């Protein structure tokens, strides 16, 4: 191959046209070395980096030829410095594997405080009202069995299918796909989401109306910003009404962005629209297809009342469609977005379909707010990472996601049935709510004068043998029970759950919220048994 003299000069470490002498590695600058002592200087810099932790044991030093070229010195200078560290026993040459740090100087241990702080008790998440980090604290608390709600079966993540789709994307994607993209999201995923929503949720949406976001958490942040800052001042909001009971996490996100969250009660038909009107709120967030945490489906009459409220009061409905695909004993429920797009801001994600770690969701704002939402997304992060979007689009368009959903429904049904059977055996005084769909059950413990019953939202729609297991007929518990004490006792015995009181703002019977999707039937049975034993000890 022909090479010009200019090309040769550019590649020479001593060329006057090459970069200034210095290495990105440890920010070494050969200009700091004394004349005639460059090897000593380099050896000292390497020893210092090893001793202060910048080069920990196991880290690899640059090849002598590469570092010599970066510093614009002879290779012998670097070789001599490496040899001195080898003689000290701090590095070792491993042939083609390079030169590796194998030992660091001993340093004096940090003084031990006279009175080291005691570790937090295992029940710490339940010792005070839930703060912003309560879910992090519960997530990291040690436990044998995790029955926390909101977690899908992570062991069932389709690794092989994801890997195949990822390889196809890396093989076929043009170089332009690696640049900055549309802040709304990759067109391929927006098309796939539009098709998914049309097939599974009855929503007709143009891909240009869809924003790809980092899960529902980011969707709530964008909603809060737009409704407070990017609408005419007379329309700006200071509050979004929420269901009660309702998700503590969603409430925390809205409050972080400066919004108040007035509670609106939920009964066996869903949110009470009369109470919503009385609250004076101009926006409401709700989970109509499977209310969290009660599992209630928003009834037909309530839907009409809610949509009439939105149309006549210029109200905004924020529809969190967090797990509507997971249903077992009831027909599908159409999304509110499909009925009144002008007043519904729809949010969904793959956190319950695949894994929360993917941080991929979608948002359909009302058409009048679309541009403001695109701006908010643009200045939040310029758009989600593009390559995972293309992988997910491939899974959705190939039918892999629907196949996975069918598999999960069968698996989740077995786990739900195992939990209901265990509750019937070990918690006979509990009333089960929301058994017909979702990834969790809610239990409530009624007062001593209450009549044991089956929750209406489950009985009306559940399969006959499931509704029978919901009926409790003995040992109805006392309402003096503290559900946080029960959750703390369960955690102390190795089982994680949510107390229902975390998800309420108004007085409510004590209860627990139990997830079943991520645990085996055997673990579910054991976990409920532990809860029953903890309840008897309180």
Protein backbone atom coordinates (compact mmCIF):
# COMPACT_ATOMS: atom_id res chain seq x y z
CA UNK A 1 0.00 0.00 0.00
CA UNK A 2 1.27 3.45 -0.89
CA UNK A 3 1.82 5.85 2.01
CA UNK A 4 2.76 9.46 1.61
CA UNK A 5 5.40 11.10 3.75
CA UNK A 6 2.67 13.20 5.39
CA UNK A 7 0.83 10.03 6.43
CA UNK A 8 4.06 8.60 7.88
CA UNK A 9 4.76 11.81 9.81
CA UNK A 10 1.24 11.80 11.30
CA UNK A 11 1.78 8.30 12.66
CA UNK A 12 5.23 8.96 14.13
CA UNK A 13 5.28 9.66 17.86
CA UNK A 14 8.05 12.19 17.34
CA UNK A 15 6.41 14.01 14.47
CA UNK A 16 6.03 17.77 14.96
CA UNK A 17 2.47 17.40 13.57
CA UNK A 18 1.37 14.81 16.19
CA UNK A 19 -0.60 15.69 19.29
CA UNK A 20 1.15 17.35 22.22
CA UNK A 21 3.05 14.90 24.48
CA UNK A 22 0.75 13.56 27.16
CA UNK A 23 -1.43 10.57 27.92
CA UNK A 24 -5.09 10.23 28.80
CA UNK A 25 -3.89 7.39 31.03
CA UNK A 26 -3.58 8.95 34.52
CA UNK A 27 -3.33 12.35 32.80
CA UNK A 28 0.44 11.87 32.57
CA UNK A 29 2.39 14.88 31.22
CA UNK A 30 5.99 14.12 30.29
CA UNK A 31 6.78 17.81 30.63
CA UNK A 32 6.65 17.34 34.40
CA UNK A 33 9.53 14.82 34.28
CA UNK A 34 13.09 16.02 35.01
CA UNK A 35 15.58 15.75 32.19
CA UNK A 36 17.45 12.48 32.39
CA UNK A 37 15.04 11.02 34.97
CA UNK A 38 11.99 10.11 32.95
CA UNK A 39 11.89 6.43 33.92
CA UNK A 40 12.18 7.31 37.62
CA UNK A 41 9.43 9.90 37.25
CA UNK A 42 7.10 7.50 35.42
CA UNK A 43 7.70 4.75 37.99
CA UNK A 44 6.86 7.17 40.82
CA UNK A 45 3.63 8.25 39.10
CA UNK A 46 2.57 4.64 38.64
CA UNK A 47 3.37 3.74 42.27
CA UNK A 48 1.35 6.74 43.44
CA UNK A 49 -1.63 5.73 41.30
CA UNK A 50 -1.47 2.18 42.69
CA UNK A 51 -1.25 3.36 46.29
CA UNK A 52 -4.12 5.88 46.05
CA UNK A 53 -6.46 3.46 44.29
CA UNK A 54 -6.55 4.94 40.80
CA UNK A 55 -4.91 1.69 39.63
CA UNK A 56 -6.55 -1.01 41.77
CA UNK A 57 -5.37 -4.60 41.86
CA UNK A 58 -6.35 -6.30 38.62
CA UNK A 59 -6.18 -3.20 36.43
CA UNK A 60 -4.14 -3.38 33.24
CA UNK A 61 -1.36 -0.97 32.31
CA UNK A 62 -1.13 0.32 28.72
CA UNK A 63 1.19 -1.51 26.36
CA UNK A 64 4.69 -0.03 26.49
CA UNK A 65 4.56 0.92 22.83
CA UNK A 66 1.22 2.73 23.25
CA UNK A 67 2.25 4.68 26.36
CA UNK A 68 5.61 5.60 24.80
CA UNK A 69 3.82 6.96 21.75
CA UNK A 70 1.40 8.97 23.90
CA UNK A 71 4.26 10.49 25.94
CA UNK A 72 6.52 10.88 22.90
CA UNK A 73 9.40 9.10 24.58
CA UNK A 74 11.39 6.05 23.63
CA UNK A 75 9.86 2.69 24.45
CA UNK A 76 12.83 1.97 26.70
CA UNK A 77 11.72 4.71 29.14
CA UNK A 78 8.39 2.96 29.70
CA UNK A 79 9.91 -0.54 29.74
CA UNK A 80 12.37 0.53 32.45
CA UNK A 81 9.57 2.03 34.60
CA UNK A 82 7.49 -1.14 34.28
CA UNK A 83 10.53 -3.26 35.16
CA UNK A 84 11.04 -1.36 38.44
CA UNK A 85 7.44 -1.95 39.45
CA UNK A 86 7.84 -5.62 38.53
CA UNK A 87 10.88 -5.86 40.80
CA UNK A 88 8.81 -4.25 43.59
CA UNK A 89 6.18 -6.96 43.13
CA UNK A 90 3.44 -4.47 42.28
CA UNK A 91 2.88 -5.49 38.65
CA UNK A 92 3.48 -8.61 36.62
CA UNK A 93 3.77 -9.18 32.89
CA UNK A 94 1.37 -11.77 31.52
CA UNK A 95 2.43 -12.03 27.93
CA UNK A 96 -0.31 -11.14 25.49
CA UNK A 97 -2.61 -10.34 28.42
CA UNK A 98 -0.40 -7.33 29.20
CA UNK A 99 1.04 -5.93 32.41
CA UNK A 100 -1.34 -6.15 35.37
CA UNK A 101 -1.34 -4.63 38.85
CA UNK A 102 -1.12 -7.47 41.36
CA UNK A 103 -0.35 -5.76 44.68
CA UNK A 104 -0.78 -2.40 46.36
CA UNK A 105 1.12 -0.93 49.32
CA UNK A 106 -0.42 -1.56 52.69
CA UNK A 107 -2.10 1.46 54.17
CA UNK A 108 -2.98 2.07 57.78
CA UNK A 109 -6.58 1.05 58.49
CA UNK A 110 -9.02 3.85 59.12
CA UNK A 111 -9.58 4.42 62.83
CA UNK A 112 -12.67 2.70 64.15
CA UNK A 113 -15.11 5.14 65.76
CA UNK A 114 -15.44 4.70 69.49
CA UNK A 115 -19.19 4.19 69.13
CA UNK A 116 -19.97 2.99 65.59
CA UNK A 117 -23.57 3.63 64.59
CA UNK A 118 -25.69 0.49 64.88
CA UNK A 119 -26.99 -0.99 61.61
CA UNK A 120 -30.59 -0.15 60.81
CA UNK A 121 -33.05 -2.75 62.07
CA UNK A 122 -34.41 -5.10 59.40
CA UNK A 123 -37.85 -3.58 59.88
CA UNK A 124 -36.60 -0.02 59.29
CA UNK A 125 -38.86 0.70 56.27
CA UNK A 126 -41.92 0.43 58.53
CA UNK A 127 -40.73 2.39 61.57
CA UNK A 128 -41.75 5.81 60.24
CA UNK A 129 -44.10 7.25 57.61
CA UNK A 130 -42.81 6.35 54.15
CA UNK A 131 -40.24 8.81 52.83
CA UNK A 132 -38.88 9.33 49.30
CA UNK A 133 -36.47 6.40 49.63
CA UNK A 134 -38.88 3.93 51.22
CA UNK A 135 -39.04 1.64 48.19
CA UNK A 136 -35.24 1.62 47.92
CA UNK A 137 -35.00 0.70 51.60
CA UNK A 138 -37.50 -2.13 51.22
CA UNK A 139 -35.85 -3.35 48.03
CA UNK A 140 -32.47 -3.73 49.74
CA UNK A 141 -33.83 -5.18 52.98
CA UNK A 142 -32.83 -8.84 53.33
CA UNK A 143 -35.65 -11.36 52.96
CA UNK A 144 -36.14 -14.96 51.89
CA UNK A 145 -39.40 -14.33 50.02
CA UNK A 146 -40.36 -11.13 48.22
CA UNK A 147 -44.11 -10.63 47.88
CA UNK A 148 -43.81 -6.92 47.11
CA UNK A 149 -46.31 -5.81 44.45
CA UNK A 150 -45.37 -4.37 41.09
CA UNK A 151 -42.67 -6.84 40.06
CA UNK A 152 -43.10 -9.18 37.06
CA UNK A 153 -41.45 -12.56 36.75
CA UNK A 154 -37.91 -11.40 35.96
CA UNK A 155 -36.69 -14.98 35.58
CA UNK A 156 -38.99 -15.27 32.55
CA UNK A 157 -37.35 -12.37 30.70
CA UNK A 158 -36.94 -13.57 27.08
CA UNK A 159 -33.15 -13.39 27.00
CA UNK A 160 -32.69 -15.50 23.89
CA UNK A 161 -35.32 -13.58 21.91
CA UNK A 162 -33.91 -10.25 23.09
CA UNK A 163 -30.39 -11.31 22.10
CA UNK A 164 -31.55 -12.38 18.63
CA UNK A 165 -33.37 -9.11 18.10
CA UNK A 166 -30.39 -7.13 19.37
CA UNK A 167 -28.04 -8.91 16.99
CA UNK A 168 -30.40 -8.21 14.11
CA UNK A 169 -30.51 -4.52 15.04
CA UNK A 170 -26.73 -4.24 15.27
CA UNK A 171 -26.38 -6.07 11.96
CA UNK A 172 -28.94 -4.07 10.03
CA UNK A 173 -29.10 -0.62 11.60
CA UNK A 174 -27.61 2.15 9.43
CA UNK A 175 -24.90 4.32 10.93
CA UNK A 176 -27.33 7.22 11.15
CA UNK A 177 -29.29 5.34 13.83
CA UNK A 178 -26.32 5.81 16.16
CA UNK A 179 -26.64 9.60 16.11
CA UNK A 180 -29.03 11.91 17.93
CA UNK A 181 -32.58 10.90 17.14
CA UNK A 182 -36.11 12.20 17.37
CA UNK A 183 -36.84 13.16 21.00
CA UNK A 184 -40.25 11.49 20.58
CA UNK A 185 -38.48 8.15 20.14
CA UNK A 186 -37.39 5.87 17.33
CA UNK A 187 -40.02 5.82 14.55
CA UNK A 188 -39.87 2.02 14.44
CA UNK A 189 -40.87 1.70 18.10
CA UNK A 190 -43.56 4.38 17.85
CA UNK A 191 -45.11 2.44 14.96
CA UNK A 192 -44.87 -0.81 16.93
CA UNK A 193 -46.48 0.80 20.00
CA UNK A 194 -49.28 2.25 17.85
CA UNK A 195 -49.99 -1.25 16.50
CA UNK A 196 -49.78 -2.78 19.99
CA UNK A 197 -52.25 -0.28 21.44
CA UNK A 198 -54.66 -0.77 18.55
CA UNK A 199 -54.57 -4.58 18.89
CA UNK A 200 -54.54 -4.86 22.68
CA UNK A 201 -56.07 -1.68 24.11
CA UNK A 202 -58.46 -0.46 21.41
CA UNK A 203 -56.57 2.83 20.97
CA UNK A 204 -56.18 4.32 17.51
CA UNK A 205 -53.13 6.57 17.52
CA UNK A 206 -50.79 7.92 14.89
CA UNK A 207 -47.13 7.13 15.63
CA UNK A 208 -46.44 10.88 15.55
CA UNK A 209 -48.74 11.27 18.59
CA UNK A 210 -46.68 8.86 20.72
CA UNK A 211 -43.71 9.75 22.91
CA UNK A 212 -41.30 7.06 24.08
CA UNK A 213 -40.34 7.79 27.68
CA UNK A 214 -38.23 6.25 30.45
CA UNK A 215 -41.16 4.48 32.10
CA UNK A 216 -44.23 5.86 33.81
CA UNK A 217 -41.98 7.65 36.31
CA UNK A 218 -40.66 9.97 33.63
CA UNK A 219 -44.12 10.30 32.13
CA UNK A 220 -45.38 11.71 35.44
CA UNK A 221 -42.49 14.16 35.57
CA UNK A 222 -43.23 15.39 32.06
CA UNK A 223 -46.93 15.70 32.85
CA UNK A 224 -46.18 17.76 35.95
CA UNK A 225 -43.81 20.07 34.08
CA UNK A 226 -46.13 20.65 31.15
CA UNK A 227 -49.22 21.27 33.27
CA UNK A 228 -47.38 23.75 35.49
CA UNK A 229 -45.06 25.54 33.09
CA UNK A 230 -45.98 25.02 29.48
CA UNK A 231 -49.66 25.87 29.38
CA UNK A 232 -51.25 29.34 29.55
CA UNK A 233 -51.10 30.67 33.10
CA UNK A 234 -54.86 30.54 33.54
CA UNK A 235 -54.74 26.80 32.79
CA UNK A 236 -51.68 25.95 34.91
CA UNK A 237 -52.32 23.37 37.61
CA UNK A 238 -51.13 23.16 41.18
CA UNK A 239 -52.82 19.83 41.98
CA UNK A 240 -53.71 16.49 40.42
CA UNK A 241 -56.36 14.48 42.23
CA UNK A 242 -55.51 10.83 42.85
CA UNK A 243 -57.43 7.71 43.78
CA UNK A 244 -57.58 6.70 47.43
CA UNK A 245 -56.40 4.06 47.98
CA UNK A 246 -53.88 4.75 45.24
CA UNK A 247 -50.23 4.26 44.38
CA UNK A 248 -47.81 5.78 46.90
CA UNK A 249 -45.09 5.84 44.24
CA UNK A 250 -47.16 7.85 41.79
CA UNK A 251 -48.15 10.24 44.55
CA UNK A 252 -44.51 10.72 45.52
CA UNK A 253 -43.52 11.53 41.93
CA UNK A 254 -46.24 14.15 41.55
CA UNK A 255 -45.36 15.76 44.86
CA UNK A 256 -41.68 15.86 43.96
CA UNK A 257 -42.61 18.07 41.02
CA UNK A 258 -44.54 20.42 43.28
CA UNK A 259 -48.09 19.19 42.75
CA UNK A 260 -50.60 18.55 45.48
CA UNK A 261 -52.42 15.20 45.37
CA UNK A 262 -55.90 15.54 46.90
CA UNK A 263 -57.42 12.10 47.54
CA UNK A 264 -60.66 10.99 45.88
CA UNK A 265 -62.28 7.86 47.37
CA UNK A 266 -62.61 4.61 45.42
CA UNK A 267 -65.48 2.18 45.93
CA UNK A 268 -66.41 -1.09 44.23
CA UNK A 269 -67.19 0.76 40.96
CA UNK A 270 -63.96 2.75 40.89
CA UNK A 271 -63.29 6.39 41.55
CA UNK A 272 -66.25 8.39 42.85
CA UNK A 273 -66.85 11.09 40.29
CA UNK A 274 -69.15 13.02 42.64
CA UNK A 275 -66.25 13.36 45.08
CA UNK A 276 -63.96 14.36 42.22
CA UNK A 277 -66.34 17.17 41.28
CA UNK A 278 -66.56 18.28 44.90
CA UNK A 279 -62.75 18.41 45.16
CA UNK A 280 -62.56 21.15 42.53
CA UNK A 281 -59.60 19.44 40.88
CA UNK A 282 -59.14 20.02 37.15
CA UNK A 283 -57.00 16.93 36.59
CA UNK A 284 -57.11 13.41 37.98
CA UNK A 285 -54.78 10.44 37.75
CA UNK A 286 -56.35 7.00 37.85
CA UNK A 287 -55.91 3.34 36.94
CA UNK A 288 -59.29 2.46 35.40
CA UNK A 289 -58.54 -0.97 33.92
CA UNK A 290 -57.18 -2.43 37.19
CA UNK A 291 -57.23 0.05 40.03
CA UNK A 292 -54.12 0.02 42.17
CA UNK A 293 -54.18 -1.41 44.74
CA UNK A 294 -57.82 -2.59 45.06
CA UNK A 295 -58.12 -4.18 41.61
CA UNK A 296 -61.49 -2.53 40.93
CA UNK A 297 -62.49 -2.01 37.29
CA UNK A 298 -64.00 1.40 36.57
CA UNK A 299 -67.68 0.60 35.95
CA UNK A 300 -69.55 1.62 32.82
CA UNK A 301 -71.70 4.25 34.53
CA UNK A 302 -68.67 5.72 36.27
CA UNK A 303 -66.82 5.86 32.96
CA UNK A 304 -69.62 7.88 31.43
CA UNK A 305 -69.72 10.20 34.46
CA UNK A 306 -65.95 10.67 34.35
CA UNK A 307 -65.88 11.42 30.64
CA UNK A 308 -68.78 13.84 31.06
CA UNK A 309 -66.83 15.57 33.85
CA UNK A 310 -63.79 15.91 31.59
CA UNK A 311 -65.80 17.23 28.64
CA UNK A 312 -67.91 19.74 30.58
CA UNK A 313 -65.25 20.93 33.03
CA UNK A 314 -62.34 20.87 30.55
CA UNK A 315 -60.80 18.33 32.89
CA UNK A 316 -57.74 16.20 32.22
CA UNK A 317 -57.67 12.45 32.88
CA UNK A 318 -54.24 10.88 33.33
CA UNK A 319 -54.73 7.20 32.56
CA UNK A 320 -52.03 4.94 34.04
CA UNK A 321 -52.51 1.66 32.16
CA UNK A 322 -49.84 -0.11 34.18
CA UNK A 323 -50.85 -3.79 33.92
CA UNK A 324 -54.08 -3.99 31.90
CA UNK A 325 -52.73 -6.82 29.73
CA UNK A 326 -52.55 -9.20 32.71
CA UNK A 327 -56.11 -10.48 33.09
CA UNK A 328 -57.40 -13.96 33.87
CA UNK A 329 -61.10 -14.09 34.76
CA UNK A 330 -62.69 -11.08 33.12
CA UNK A 331 -63.10 -9.65 29.62
CA UNK A 332 -60.77 -6.87 28.42
CA UNK A 333 -61.56 -3.33 29.47
CA UNK A 334 -61.18 -0.60 26.82
CA UNK A 335 -58.87 2.29 27.58
CA UNK A 336 -60.36 5.70 28.33
CA UNK A 337 -58.00 7.16 25.74
CA UNK A 338 -59.97 5.30 23.06
CA UNK A 339 -63.11 7.20 24.07
CA UNK A 340 -62.02 10.81 24.62
CA UNK A 341 -58.52 11.47 23.31
CA UNK A 342 -58.87 15.24 23.71
CA UNK A 343 -59.04 14.95 27.50
CA UNK A 344 -56.99 11.84 28.26
CA UNK A 345 -53.22 11.64 28.73
CA UNK A 346 -52.41 7.94 28.42
CA UNK A 347 -49.30 6.28 29.92
CA UNK A 348 -48.09 2.69 29.56
CA UNK A 349 -44.82 0.77 29.76
CA UNK A 350 -43.13 -2.62 29.46
CA UNK A 351 -42.18 -2.68 33.15
CA UNK A 352 -44.86 -5.30 33.90
CA UNK A 353 -44.55 -7.06 30.53
CA UNK A 354 -40.77 -7.49 30.40
CA UNK A 355 -38.72 -5.79 33.12
CA UNK A 356 -38.60 -2.43 34.91
CA UNK A 357 -34.85 -2.21 34.23
CA UNK A 358 -35.51 -1.52 30.53
CA UNK A 359 -36.97 1.89 31.48
CA UNK A 360 -39.17 2.04 28.38
CA UNK A 361 -42.72 3.35 28.30
CA UNK A 362 -44.99 5.46 26.13
CA UNK A 363 -47.08 8.56 26.57
CA UNK A 364 -50.01 9.78 24.46
CA UNK A 365 -50.72 13.39 25.43
CA UNK A 366 -53.91 15.17 24.41
CA UNK A 367 -53.35 16.64 20.93
CA UNK A 368 -53.44 20.24 22.21
CA UNK A 369 -50.47 19.54 24.53
CA UNK A 370 -48.39 17.37 22.18
CA UNK A 371 -45.84 20.03 21.20
CA UNK A 372 -45.30 21.03 24.83
CA UNK A 373 -44.66 17.41 25.78
CA UNK A 374 -42.19 16.96 22.92
CA UNK A 375 -40.31 20.04 24.12
CA UNK A 376 -40.29 18.77 27.70
CA UNK A 377 -38.92 15.40 26.57
CA UNK A 378 -36.33 17.04 24.33
CA UNK A 379 -34.91 19.14 27.14
CA UNK A 380 -35.13 16.30 29.66
CA UNK A 381 -32.78 13.90 27.87
CA UNK A 382 -32.95 14.36 24.06
CA UNK A 383 -34.82 11.05 23.87
CA UNK A 384 -34.44 7.50 25.14
CA UNK A 385 -31.51 5.29 24.13
CA UNK A 386 -32.21 4.27 20.55
CA UNK A 387 -30.79 0.75 20.26
CA UNK A 388 -33.06 -0.79 22.96
CA UNK A 389 -36.00 0.89 21.24
CA UNK A 390 -35.20 -0.89 17.99
CA UNK A 391 -34.82 -4.21 19.84
CA UNK A 392 -38.18 -3.79 21.54
CA UNK A 393 -39.79 -2.79 18.24
CA UNK A 394 -38.51 -6.03 16.72
CA UNK A 395 -40.01 -8.09 19.55
CA UNK A 396 -43.36 -6.34 19.27
CA UNK A 397 -43.63 -6.55 15.50
CA UNK A 398 -42.51 -10.20 15.37
CA UNK A 399 -45.26 -11.27 17.77
CA UNK A 400 -42.77 -12.34 20.44
CA UNK A 401 -44.27 -9.99 23.03
CA UNK A 402 -47.78 -11.36 22.51
CA UNK A 403 -46.49 -14.94 22.77
CA UNK A 404 -44.76 -14.02 26.01
CA UNK A 405 -47.94 -12.43 27.35
CA UNK A 406 -49.92 -15.63 26.70
CA UNK A 407 -47.25 -17.64 28.52
CA UNK A 408 -47.23 -15.27 31.47
CA UNK A 409 -51.00 -15.29 31.84
CA UNK A 410 -50.96 -19.05 32.37
CA UNK A 411 -48.06 -18.86 34.82
CA UNK A 412 -49.50 -15.91 36.74
CA UNK A 413 -52.90 -17.58 37.03
CA UNK A 414 -51.29 -20.59 38.75
CA UNK A 415 -49.40 -18.32 41.13
CA UNK A 416 -52.48 -16.26 41.89
CA UNK A 417 -54.46 -19.41 42.62
CA UNK A 418 -51.67 -20.62 44.91
CA UNK A 419 -51.78 -17.31 46.82
CA UNK A 420 -55.58 -17.40 47.19
CA UNK A 421 -55.42 -20.99 48.46
CA UNK A 422 -52.70 -20.06 50.93
CA UNK A 423 -54.70 -17.05 52.15
CA UNK A 424 -57.73 -19.24 52.67
CA UNK A 425 -55.65 -21.58 54.81
CA UNK A 426 -53.42 -19.19 56.74
CA UNK A 427 -55.34 -15.87 56.72
CA UNK A 428 -58.99 -16.92 56.82
CA UNK A 429 -60.09 -13.54 58.19
CA UNK A 430 -58.78 -11.60 55.21
CA UNK A 431 -60.91 -10.27 52.36
CA UNK A 432 -59.21 -10.62 48.97
CA UNK A 433 -59.55 -7.82 46.42
CA UNK A 434 -58.62 -7.69 42.75
CA UNK A 435 -58.14 -11.38 41.97
CA UNK A 436 -59.40 -11.26 38.38
CA UNK A 437 -56.41 -9.44 36.89
CA UNK A 438 -53.01 -7.92 37.56
CA UNK A 439 -49.90 -9.08 39.38
CA UNK A 440 -50.98 -8.55 42.98
CA UNK A 441 -53.77 -9.10 45.49
CA UNK A 442 -54.94 -6.72 48.20
CA UNK A 443 -56.08 -8.05 51.56
CA UNK A 444 -58.15 -6.14 54.08
CA UNK A 445 -58.90 -7.12 57.65
CA UNK A 446 -62.39 -6.13 58.79
CA UNK A 447 -63.57 -5.27 62.29
CA UNK A 448 -65.07 -7.86 64.64
CA UNK A 449 -68.61 -6.85 63.72
CA UNK A 450 -68.05 -6.94 59.97
CA UNK A 451 -69.69 -9.65 57.92
CA UNK A 452 -67.18 -11.80 56.05
CA UNK A 453 -67.57 -11.22 52.35
CA UNK A 454 -66.10 -11.56 48.92
CA UNK A 455 -64.85 -8.39 47.33
CA UNK A 456 -67.34 -7.29 44.67
CA UNK A 457 -64.68 -6.41 42.13
CA UNK A 458 -63.45 -9.99 42.26
CA UNK A 459 -66.74 -11.83 42.62
CA UNK A 460 -68.47 -10.08 39.74
CA UNK A 461 -65.84 -10.98 37.23
CA UNK A 462 -63.89 -13.91 38.61
CA UNK A 463 -64.12 -17.49 37.50
CA UNK A 464 -66.43 -19.44 39.78
CA UNK A 465 -63.79 -21.50 41.57
CA UNK A 466 -61.67 -18.39 42.15
CA UNK A 467 -64.52 -16.37 43.61
CA UNK A 468 -65.25 -19.25 45.99
CA UNK A 469 -61.72 -19.04 47.36
CA UNK A 470 -62.19 -15.35 48.01
CA UNK A 471 -64.98 -15.99 50.51
CA UNK A 472 -63.78 -15.93 54.11
CA UNK A 473 -66.06 -17.43 56.70
CA UNK A 474 -64.20 -17.48 60.02
CA UNK A 475 -61.79 -15.58 62.25
CA UNK A 476 -62.49 -12.04 61.01
CA UNK A 477 -59.66 -9.87 62.37
CA UNK A 478 -59.86 -6.89 64.71
CA UNK A 479 -59.43 -3.44 63.15
CA UNK A 480 -57.08 -2.47 65.98
CA UNK A 481 -54.48 -4.19 63.86
CA UNK A 482 -51.68 -1.97 62.47
CA UNK A 483 -50.80 -3.12 58.96
CA UNK A 484 -47.34 -1.54 59.22
CA UNK A 485 -46.70 -3.63 62.35
CA UNK A 486 -47.83 -6.71 60.46
CA UNK A 487 -45.58 -5.86 57.50
CA UNK A 488 -42.67 -5.27 59.89
CA UNK A 489 -43.28 -8.60 61.61
CA UNK A 490 -43.42 -10.37 58.26
CA UNK A 491 -40.16 -8.74 57.15
CA UNK A 492 -38.48 -9.73 60.42
CA UNK A 493 -39.50 -13.31 59.56
CA UNK A 494 -38.10 -12.99 56.02
CA UNK A 495 -41.11 -11.95 53.88
CA UNK A 496 -41.55 -8.61 52.13
CA UNK A 497 -44.99 -7.08 51.64
CA UNK A 498 -46.55 -3.61 51.40
CA UNK A 499 -48.89 -2.37 54.13
CA UNK A 500 -52.07 -1.03 52.55
CA UNK A 501 -51.76 2.15 54.63
CA UNK A 502 -48.76 3.16 52.52
CA UNK A 503 -51.16 3.60 49.62
CA UNK A 504 -53.89 5.54 51.44
CA UNK A 505 -54.30 9.16 52.51
CA UNK A 506 -57.69 8.79 54.22
CA UNK A 507 -58.72 6.36 57.00
CA UNK A 508 -59.04 2.83 55.62
CA UNK A 509 -59.24 -0.68 57.07
CA UNK A 510 -55.80 -2.23 57.62
CA UNK A 511 -54.52 -4.52 54.94
CA UNK A 512 -51.63 -5.80 52.87
CA UNK A 513 -50.72 -5.63 49.18
CA UNK A 514 -49.10 -8.88 48.02
CA UNK A 515 -47.39 -9.49 44.68
CA UNK A 516 -47.39 -13.02 43.27
CA UNK A 517 -45.87 -12.74 39.78
CA UNK A 518 -42.20 -13.08 40.74
CA UNK A 519 -42.44 -15.97 43.23
CA UNK A 520 -43.01 -19.69 42.77
CA UNK A 521 -46.20 -21.28 44.14
CA UNK A 522 -44.16 -22.95 46.88
CA UNK A 523 -42.57 -19.65 47.93
CA UNK A 524 -45.98 -17.94 47.84
CA UNK A 525 -47.49 -20.59 50.10
CA UNK A 526 -44.61 -20.35 52.54
CA UNK A 527 -44.70 -16.54 52.52
CA UNK A 528 -48.42 -16.38 53.27
CA UNK A 529 -47.92 -18.94 56.04
CA UNK A 530 -45.27 -16.69 57.59
CA UNK A 531 -47.65 -13.70 57.39
CA UNK A 532 -50.37 -15.73 59.08
CA UNK A 533 -48.02 -16.70 61.90
CA UNK A 534 -46.91 -13.06 62.28
CA UNK A 535 -50.54 -11.97 62.47
CA UNK A 536 -51.31 -14.44 65.24
CA UNK A 537 -48.38 -13.12 67.27
CA UNK A 538 -49.49 -9.48 67.10
